[in-house]
Amino acid sequence: RVSECDYGHWSGRKLAELADEPLMSVVQQHPSAAAFPGGESMRAMQARAVDAVRDWNDRVEAEHGEDATYVMCSHGDI
């Protein structure tokens, strides 16, 4: 569940090639509204990541107590 966004048909393509895609302006201006053809939406990726973090919080709390502290980092789109 903690992985990159599934860019679907965009995977492996060069940014220069994708620049002419109508979806690219959505990705740049309103990323949370983007849904990649054959892949997932940014909102779906965010929901997947948030669910994983919540599960991790529960695991850390169960093992180390409710006052446990840890650091987690991600890309800004999450």
C-alpha atoms as a PDB file:
ATOM      1  CA  ARG A   1       0.000   0.000   0.000  1.00  0.00           C
ATOM      2  CA  VAL A   2       2.942   2.306   0.445  1.00  0.00           C
ATOM      3  CA  SER A   3       4.183   2.755  -3.096  1.00  0.00           C
ATOM      4  CA  GLU A   4       4.290   5.246  -5.918  1.00  0.00           C
ATOM      5  CA  CYS A   5       1.145   6.317  -7.699  1.00  0.00           C
ATOM      6  CA  ASP A   6       0.006   3.898 -10.415  1.00  0.00           C
ATOM      7  CA  TYR A   7       0.408   6.107 -13.475  1.00  0.00           C
ATOM      8  CA  GLY A   8      -1.159   3.458 -15.716  1.00  0.00           C
ATOM      9  CA  HIS A   9      -0.602   4.160 -19.422  1.00  0.00           C
ATOM     10  CA  TRP A  10       1.653   7.066 -18.496  1.00  0.00           C
ATOM     11  CA  SER A  11       4.194   4.760 -16.807  1.00  0.00           C
ATOM     12  CA  GLY A  12       7.582   4.780 -18.501  1.00  0.00           C
ATOM     13  CA  ARG A  13       6.734   7.666 -20.826  1.00  0.00           C
ATOM     14  CA  LYS A  14       8.930  10.765 -21.004  1.00  0.00           C
ATOM     15  CA  LEU A  15       7.637  14.061 -19.588  1.00  0.00           C
ATOM     16  CA  ALA A  16       8.253  15.756 -22.942  1.00  0.00           C
ATOM     17  CA  GLU A  17       5.920  13.233 -24.553  1.00  0.00           C
ATOM     18  CA  LEU A  18       3.264  13.741 -21.861  1.00  0.00           C
ATOM     19  CA  ALA A  19       3.405  17.554 -22.075  1.00  0.00           C
ATOM     20  CA  ASP A  20       0.853  17.542 -24.910  1.00  0.00           C
ATOM     21  CA  GLU A  21      -1.623  15.354 -23.012  1.00  0.00           C
ATOM     22  CA  PRO A  22      -4.714  17.328 -21.879  1.00  0.00           C
ATOM     23  CA  LEU A  23      -4.461  15.691 -18.452  1.00  0.00           C
ATOM     24  CA  MET A  24      -1.016  17.229 -17.890  1.00  0.00           C
ATOM     25  CA  SER A  25      -2.503  20.661 -17.174  1.00  0.00           C
ATOM     26  CA  VAL A  26      -4.767  19.062 -14.543  1.00  0.00           C
ATOM     27  CA  VAL A  27      -1.778  17.274 -13.002  1.00  0.00           C
ATOM     28  CA  GLN A  28       0.140  20.552 -12.788  1.00  0.00           C
ATOM     29  CA  GLN A  29      -2.687  22.866 -11.687  1.00  0.00           C
ATOM     30  CA  HIS A  30      -4.982  20.611  -9.645  1.00  0.00           C
ATOM     31  CA  PRO A  31      -3.134  17.351  -8.906  1.00  0.00           C
ATOM     32  CA  SER A  32      -5.802  16.032  -6.543  1.00  0.00           C
ATOM     33  CA  ALA A  33      -8.253  16.037  -9.483  1.00  0.00           C
ATOM     34  CA  ALA A  34      -6.029  13.879 -11.707  1.00  0.00           C
ATOM     35  CA  ALA A  35      -6.902  10.281 -12.583  1.00  0.00           C
ATOM     36  CA  PHE A  36      -4.361   8.493 -14.751  1.00  0.00           C
ATOM     37  CA  PRO A  37      -5.697   6.397 -17.658  1.00  0.00           C
ATOM     38  CA  GLY A  38      -5.281   2.728 -16.827  1.00  0.00           C
ATOM     39  CA  GLY A  39      -3.948   3.678 -13.388  1.00  0.00           C
ATOM     40  CA  GLU A  40      -5.268   5.330 -10.257  1.00  0.00           C
ATOM     41  CA  SER A  41      -6.414   8.782  -9.263  1.00  0.00           C
ATOM     42  CA  MET A  42      -4.363  10.979  -6.983  1.00  0.00           C
ATOM     43  CA  ARG A  43      -7.196  10.834  -4.448  1.00  0.00           C
ATOM     44  CA  ALA A  44      -7.098   7.018  -4.513  1.00  0.00           C
ATOM     45  CA  MET A  45      -3.330   7.108  -3.964  1.00  0.00           C
ATOM     46  CA  GLN A  46      -3.762   9.549  -1.083  1.00  0.00           C
ATOM     47  CA  ALA A  47      -6.479   7.400   0.517  1.00  0.00           C
ATOM     48  CA  ARG A  48      -4.293   4.293   0.168  1.00  0.00           C
ATOM     49  CA  ALA A  49      -1.347   6.051   1.797  1.00  0.00           C
ATOM     50  CA  VAL A  50      -3.417   7.545   4.631  1.00  0.00           C
ATOM     51  CA  ASP A  51      -4.911   4.110   5.398  1.00  0.00           C
ATOM     52  CA  ALA A  52      -1.396   2.649   5.543  1.00  0.00           C
ATOM     53  CA  VAL A  53      -0.219   5.408   7.913  1.00  0.00           C
ATOM     54  CA  ARG A  54      -3.224   4.889  10.186  1.00  0.00           C
ATOM     55  CA  ASP A  55      -2.496   1.159  10.315  1.00  0.00           C
ATOM     56  CA  TRP A  56       1.152   1.929  11.099  1.00  0.00           C
ATOM     57  CA  ASN A  57       0.071   4.314  13.884  1.00  0.00           C
ATOM     58  CA  ASP A  58      -1.989   1.504  15.418  1.00  0.00           C
ATOM     59  CA  ARG A  59       0.943  -0.933  15.212  1.00  0.00           C
ATOM     60  CA  VAL A  60       3.398   1.524  16.779  1.00  0.00           C
ATOM     61  CA  GLU A  61       0.944   2.386  19.559  1.00  0.00           C
ATOM     62  CA  ALA A  62       0.247  -1.294  20.274  1.00  0.00           C
ATOM     63  CA  GLU A  63       3.964  -2.058  20.521  1.00  0.00           C
ATOM     64  CA  HIS A  64       5.314   1.124  22.149  1.00  0.00           C
ATOM     65  CA  GLY A  65       2.348   2.837  23.815  1.00  0.00           C
ATOM     66  CA  GLU A  66       0.214   5.834  22.975  1.00  0.00           C
ATOM     67  CA  ASP A  67       3.033   8.319  23.645  1.00  0.00           C
ATOM     68  CA  ALA A  68       5.354   6.725  21.064  1.00  0.00           C
ATOM     69  CA  THR A  69       6.876   9.043  18.485  1.00  0.00           C
ATOM     70  CA  TYR A  70       8.171   8.201  15.030  1.00  0.00           C
ATOM     71  CA  VAL A  71       8.949   9.991  11.769  1.00  0.00           C
ATOM     72  CA  MET A  72       7.415   9.199   8.402  1.00  0.00           C
ATOM     73  CA  CYS A  73       8.169  11.039   5.135  1.00  0.00           C
ATOM     74  CA  SER A  74       6.447  11.079   1.763  1.00  0.00           C
ATOM     75  CA  HIS A  75       6.122  13.042  -1.436  1.00  0.00           C
ATOM     76  CA  GLY A  76       4.100  16.248  -1.179  1.00  0.00           C
ATOM     77  CA  ASP A  77       1.169  14.817  -3.150  1.00  0.00           C
ATOM     78  CA  ILE A  78       0.227  12.569  -0.260  1.00  0.00           C
END
